[in-house]
Amino acid sequence: MAFDFQVENNPELPFDIEGVINQNYIYCAFPPGVSTSNLIAIFELSEQASAWIGDEYQISGVTPNDFSDTLYYKIVAEIMTLMYIRFMLIMKP
């Protein structure tokens, strides 16, 4: 899985922000003053997998979310296994 925020989809960002995935956590560091309340993430999953936040289906590069608080992505894989990934926001000083 890959995860990032691109200026192309989020013009309020000063540059693309790449997520760091460590086990079941995604970490993203944002510069101070950047609003994270309405961002669109770009993510890659295997072809048959899907991503959800709560009951809302997530479409890479399309679905906006409020990332100002912790979010939990539910990944449903090809063989109907579930994996929960916690998104953690880090503000750079």
N, C-alpha and C. Protein backbone atom coordinates (compact mmCIF):
# COMPACT_ATOMS: atom_id res chain seq x y z
N MET A 1 0.85 -1.18 0.00
CA MET A 1 0.00 0.00 0.00
C MET A 1 0.89 1.24 0.00
N ALA A 2 0.50 2.23 -0.77
CA ALA A 2 1.16 3.53 -0.78
C ALA A 2 0.12 4.58 -0.43
N PHE A 3 0.56 5.70 0.15
CA PHE A 3 -0.38 6.71 0.63
C PHE A 3 0.31 8.07 0.59
N ASP A 4 -0.34 9.06 -0.07
CA ASP A 4 0.21 10.41 -0.04
C ASP A 4 -0.87 11.44 -0.37
N PHE A 5 -0.46 12.70 -0.25
CA PHE A 5 -1.31 13.84 -0.61
C PHE A 5 -0.57 14.63 -1.66
N GLN A 6 -1.21 14.89 -2.80
CA GLN A 6 -0.56 15.60 -3.89
C GLN A 6 -1.16 16.98 -4.06
N VAL A 7 -0.30 17.94 -4.41
CA VAL A 7 -0.74 19.31 -4.64
C VAL A 7 -1.80 19.37 -5.74
N GLU A 8 -1.68 18.48 -6.72
CA GLU A 8 -2.64 18.44 -7.83
C GLU A 8 -4.08 18.31 -7.33
N ASN A 9 -4.29 17.52 -6.28
CA ASN A 9 -5.63 17.31 -5.72
C ASN A 9 -5.90 18.17 -4.50
N ASN A 10 -4.86 18.78 -3.95
CA ASN A 10 -4.96 19.58 -2.73
C ASN A 10 -4.16 20.87 -2.92
N PRO A 11 -4.71 21.85 -3.64
CA PRO A 11 -3.94 23.06 -3.98
C PRO A 11 -3.51 23.89 -2.76
N GLU A 12 -4.09 23.62 -1.59
CA GLU A 12 -3.69 24.35 -0.39
C GLU A 12 -2.35 23.85 0.18
N LEU A 13 -1.87 22.73 -0.31
CA LEU A 13 -0.58 22.20 0.15
C LEU A 13 0.56 22.89 -0.57
N PRO A 14 1.67 23.18 0.14
CA PRO A 14 2.81 23.81 -0.51
C PRO A 14 3.64 22.83 -1.35
N PHE A 15 3.50 21.53 -1.08
CA PHE A 15 4.23 20.48 -1.80
C PHE A 15 3.54 19.15 -1.53
N ASP A 16 3.88 18.13 -2.32
CA ASP A 16 3.34 16.79 -2.10
C ASP A 16 3.83 16.25 -0.76
N ILE A 17 2.97 15.50 -0.07
CA ILE A 17 3.32 14.93 1.23
C ILE A 17 3.15 13.42 1.15
N GLU A 18 4.24 12.72 1.37
CA GLU A 18 4.25 11.26 1.28
C GLU A 18 4.02 10.64 2.65
N GLY A 19 3.12 9.69 2.71
CA GLY A 19 2.87 8.98 3.95
C GLY A 19 3.90 7.90 4.18
N VAL A 20 4.19 7.66 5.44
CA VAL A 20 5.08 6.57 5.84
C VAL A 20 4.21 5.50 6.48
N ILE A 21 4.27 4.31 5.92
CA ILE A 21 3.45 3.21 6.44
C ILE A 21 4.34 2.30 7.27
N ASN A 22 3.92 2.09 8.52
CA ASN A 22 4.66 1.24 9.45
C ASN A 22 3.64 0.32 10.11
N GLN A 23 3.64 -0.94 9.72
CA GLN A 23 2.68 -1.93 10.19
C GLN A 23 1.27 -1.43 9.91
N ASN A 24 0.47 -1.16 10.92
CA ASN A 24 -0.91 -0.72 10.71
C ASN A 24 -1.10 0.78 10.94
N TYR A 25 -0.05 1.55 10.71
CA TYR A 25 -0.12 3.00 10.89
C TYR A 25 0.36 3.71 9.63
N ILE A 26 -0.29 4.82 9.31
CA ILE A 26 0.18 5.71 8.26
C ILE A 26 0.52 7.03 8.94
N TYR A 27 1.74 7.49 8.75
CA TYR A 27 2.18 8.76 9.33
C TYR A 27 2.41 9.76 8.20
N CYS A 28 1.87 10.97 8.37
CA CYS A 28 2.09 12.05 7.41
C CYS A 28 2.47 13.31 8.19
N ALA A 29 3.52 13.98 7.75
CA ALA A 29 3.98 15.21 8.41
C ALA A 29 3.59 16.41 7.54
N PHE A 30 2.85 17.33 8.12
CA PHE A 30 2.40 18.53 7.43
C PHE A 30 3.10 19.76 8.00
N PRO A 31 3.38 20.74 7.15
CA PRO A 31 3.98 21.98 7.67
C PRO A 31 2.95 22.77 8.47
N PRO A 32 3.40 23.61 9.40
CA PRO A 32 2.47 24.42 10.20
C PRO A 32 1.60 25.30 9.32
N GLY A 33 0.38 25.52 9.77
CA GLY A 33 -0.53 26.42 9.08
C GLY A 33 -1.32 25.80 7.95
N VAL A 34 -1.05 24.56 7.61
CA VAL A 34 -1.78 23.89 6.53
C VAL A 34 -3.05 23.27 7.11
N SER A 35 -4.18 23.59 6.50
CA SER A 35 -5.44 23.00 6.94
C SER A 35 -5.51 21.56 6.46
N THR A 36 -5.86 20.67 7.36
CA THR A 36 -5.99 19.24 7.02
C THR A 36 -7.45 18.78 7.11
N SER A 37 -8.37 19.72 7.12
CA SER A 37 -9.77 19.38 7.33
C SER A 37 -10.51 18.95 6.07
N ASN A 38 -9.89 19.09 4.90
CA ASN A 38 -10.58 18.73 3.66
C ASN A 38 -9.56 18.32 2.61
N LEU A 39 -8.88 17.20 2.85
CA LEU A 39 -7.84 16.74 1.95
C LEU A 39 -8.24 15.48 1.21
N ILE A 40 -7.65 15.32 0.04
CA ILE A 40 -7.90 14.14 -0.79
C ILE A 40 -6.61 13.32 -0.84
N ALA A 41 -6.69 12.09 -0.37
CA ALA A 41 -5.53 11.21 -0.35
C ALA A 41 -5.43 10.41 -1.64
N ILE A 42 -4.19 10.10 -1.99
CA ILE A 42 -3.90 9.17 -3.09
C ILE A 42 -3.36 7.91 -2.44
N PHE A 43 -3.96 6.78 -2.74
CA PHE A 43 -3.46 5.53 -2.16
C PHE A 43 -3.56 4.41 -3.19
N GLU A 44 -2.70 3.43 -3.03
CA GLU A 44 -2.68 2.28 -3.92
C GLU A 44 -2.98 1.02 -3.12
N LEU A 45 -3.91 0.26 -3.62
CA LEU A 45 -4.27 -1.03 -3.03
C LEU A 45 -4.15 -2.10 -4.11
N SER A 46 -4.18 -3.34 -3.71
CA SER A 46 -4.23 -4.39 -4.71
C SER A 46 -5.55 -4.27 -5.48
N GLU A 47 -5.61 -4.84 -6.65
CA GLU A 47 -6.72 -4.64 -7.56
C GLU A 47 -8.08 -5.00 -6.96
N GLN A 48 -8.17 -6.03 -6.17
CA GLN A 48 -9.45 -6.48 -5.63
C GLN A 48 -9.75 -5.93 -4.24
N ALA A 49 -8.86 -5.13 -3.67
CA ALA A 49 -9.07 -4.59 -2.32
C ALA A 49 -9.86 -3.29 -2.39
N SER A 50 -10.51 -2.95 -1.28
CA SER A 50 -11.24 -1.68 -1.18
C SER A 50 -10.93 -1.03 0.16
N ALA A 51 -11.10 0.29 0.19
CA ALA A 51 -10.83 1.06 1.41
C ALA A 51 -12.10 1.76 1.86
N TRP A 52 -12.27 1.82 3.18
CA TRP A 52 -13.45 2.42 3.79
C TRP A 52 -13.02 3.23 5.01
N ILE A 53 -13.73 4.32 5.27
CA ILE A 53 -13.66 5.02 6.55
C ILE A 53 -15.08 5.00 7.07
N GLY A 54 -15.29 4.29 8.16
CA GLY A 54 -16.65 4.07 8.62
C GLY A 54 -17.41 3.33 7.54
N ASP A 55 -18.57 3.86 7.15
CA ASP A 55 -19.38 3.24 6.10
C ASP A 55 -19.16 3.88 4.74
N GLU A 56 -18.18 4.81 4.65
CA GLU A 56 -17.96 5.53 3.40
C GLU A 56 -16.84 4.89 2.59
N TYR A 57 -17.18 4.45 1.39
CA TYR A 57 -16.21 3.88 0.45
C TYR A 57 -15.25 4.98 0.02
N GLN A 58 -13.96 4.69 0.01
CA GLN A 58 -12.93 5.66 -0.32
C GLN A 58 -12.41 5.42 -1.73
N ILE A 59 -12.37 6.49 -2.52
CA ILE A 59 -11.83 6.42 -3.87
C ILE A 59 -10.57 7.26 -3.90
N SER A 60 -9.46 6.63 -4.23
CA SER A 60 -8.18 7.32 -4.30
C SER A 60 -8.24 8.50 -5.26
N GLY A 61 -7.77 9.66 -4.79
CA GLY A 61 -7.75 10.85 -5.63
C GLY A 61 -9.08 11.53 -5.78
N VAL A 62 -10.12 11.06 -5.09
CA VAL A 62 -11.47 11.61 -5.25
C VAL A 62 -12.11 11.98 -3.91
N THR A 63 -12.11 11.06 -2.95
CA THR A 63 -12.86 11.24 -1.71
C THR A 63 -12.13 12.17 -0.74
N PRO A 64 -12.74 13.33 -0.40
CA PRO A 64 -12.12 14.21 0.60
C PRO A 64 -12.45 13.73 2.01
N ASN A 65 -11.52 13.97 2.94
CA ASN A 65 -11.73 13.61 4.34
C ASN A 65 -11.12 14.67 5.24
N ASP A 66 -11.61 14.71 6.47
CA ASP A 66 -11.06 15.58 7.50
C ASP A 66 -9.96 14.81 8.22
N PHE A 67 -8.71 15.16 7.94
CA PHE A 67 -7.57 14.47 8.52
C PHE A 67 -7.04 15.18 9.76
N SER A 68 -7.80 16.13 10.30
CA SER A 68 -7.33 16.87 11.48
C SER A 68 -7.38 16.03 12.75
N ASP A 69 -8.03 14.88 12.70
CA ASP A 69 -8.07 13.96 13.83
C ASP A 69 -7.74 12.56 13.29
N THR A 70 -7.53 11.64 14.18
CA THR A 70 -7.18 10.28 13.78
C THR A 70 -8.31 9.64 12.97
N LEU A 71 -7.96 9.03 11.86
CA LEU A 71 -8.91 8.29 11.03
C LEU A 71 -8.49 6.83 10.99
N TYR A 72 -9.47 5.96 10.84
CA TYR A 72 -9.21 4.54 10.71
C TYR A 72 -9.71 4.07 9.34
N TYR A 73 -8.78 3.62 8.52
CA TYR A 73 -9.13 3.02 7.24
C TYR A 73 -9.36 1.54 7.44
N LYS A 74 -10.46 1.06 6.88
CA LYS A 74 -10.72 -0.38 6.86
C LYS A 74 -10.40 -0.86 5.45
N ILE A 75 -9.46 -1.78 5.35
CA ILE A 75 -9.08 -2.34 4.06
C ILE A 75 -9.67 -3.74 3.96
N VAL A 76 -10.48 -3.95 2.92
CA VAL A 76 -11.07 -5.26 2.67
C VAL A 76 -10.30 -5.86 1.49
N ALA A 77 -9.64 -6.98 1.73
CA ALA A 77 -8.78 -7.59 0.72
C ALA A 77 -9.55 -8.62 -0.11
N GLU A 78 -8.85 -9.14 -1.11
CA GLU A 78 -9.46 -10.07 -2.07
C GLU A 78 -10.10 -11.28 -1.40
N ILE A 79 -9.48 -11.79 -0.37
CA ILE A 79 -10.00 -13.01 0.25
C ILE A 79 -10.90 -12.69 1.45
N MET A 80 -11.45 -11.46 1.41
CA MET A 80 -12.39 -10.99 2.43
C MET A 80 -11.77 -10.88 3.82
N THR A 81 -10.48 -10.67 3.88
CA THR A 81 -9.85 -10.40 5.16
C THR A 81 -9.89 -8.90 5.41
N LEU A 82 -9.95 -8.52 6.66
CA LEU A 82 -10.00 -7.11 7.04
C LEU A 82 -8.69 -6.70 7.68
N MET A 83 -8.31 -5.46 7.42
CA MET A 83 -7.16 -4.87 8.08
C MET A 83 -7.53 -3.43 8.38
N TYR A 84 -7.27 -2.99 9.59
CA TYR A 84 -7.54 -1.62 9.96
C TYR A 84 -6.22 -0.87 10.03
N ILE A 85 -6.18 0.29 9.38
CA ILE A 85 -4.98 1.11 9.37
C ILE A 85 -5.32 2.44 10.00
N ARG A 86 -4.52 2.86 10.94
CA ARG A 86 -4.75 4.11 11.66
C ARG A 86 -3.93 5.22 11.02
N PHE A 87 -4.58 6.32 10.65
CA PHE A 87 -3.89 7.47 10.08
C PHE A 87 -3.50 8.42 11.20
N MET A 88 -2.22 8.75 11.28
CA MET A 88 -1.71 9.66 12.31
C MET A 88 -1.15 10.92 11.62
N LEU A 89 -1.59 12.07 12.09
CA LEU A 89 -1.14 13.35 11.55
C LEU A 89 -0.03 13.91 12.42
N ILE A 90 1.04 14.35 11.80
CA ILE A 90 2.15 14.98 12.53
C ILE A 90 2.34 16.35 11.94
N MET A 91 2.36 17.39 12.79
CA MET A 91 2.63 18.74 12.31
C MET A 91 4.11 19.02 12.53
N LYS A 92 4.81 19.40 11.46
CA LYS A 92 6.22 19.74 11.57
C LYS A 92 6.36 21.08 12.29
N PRO A 93 7.38 21.21 13.13
CA PRO A 93 7.57 22.52 13.80
C PRO A 93 8.09 23.57 12.83
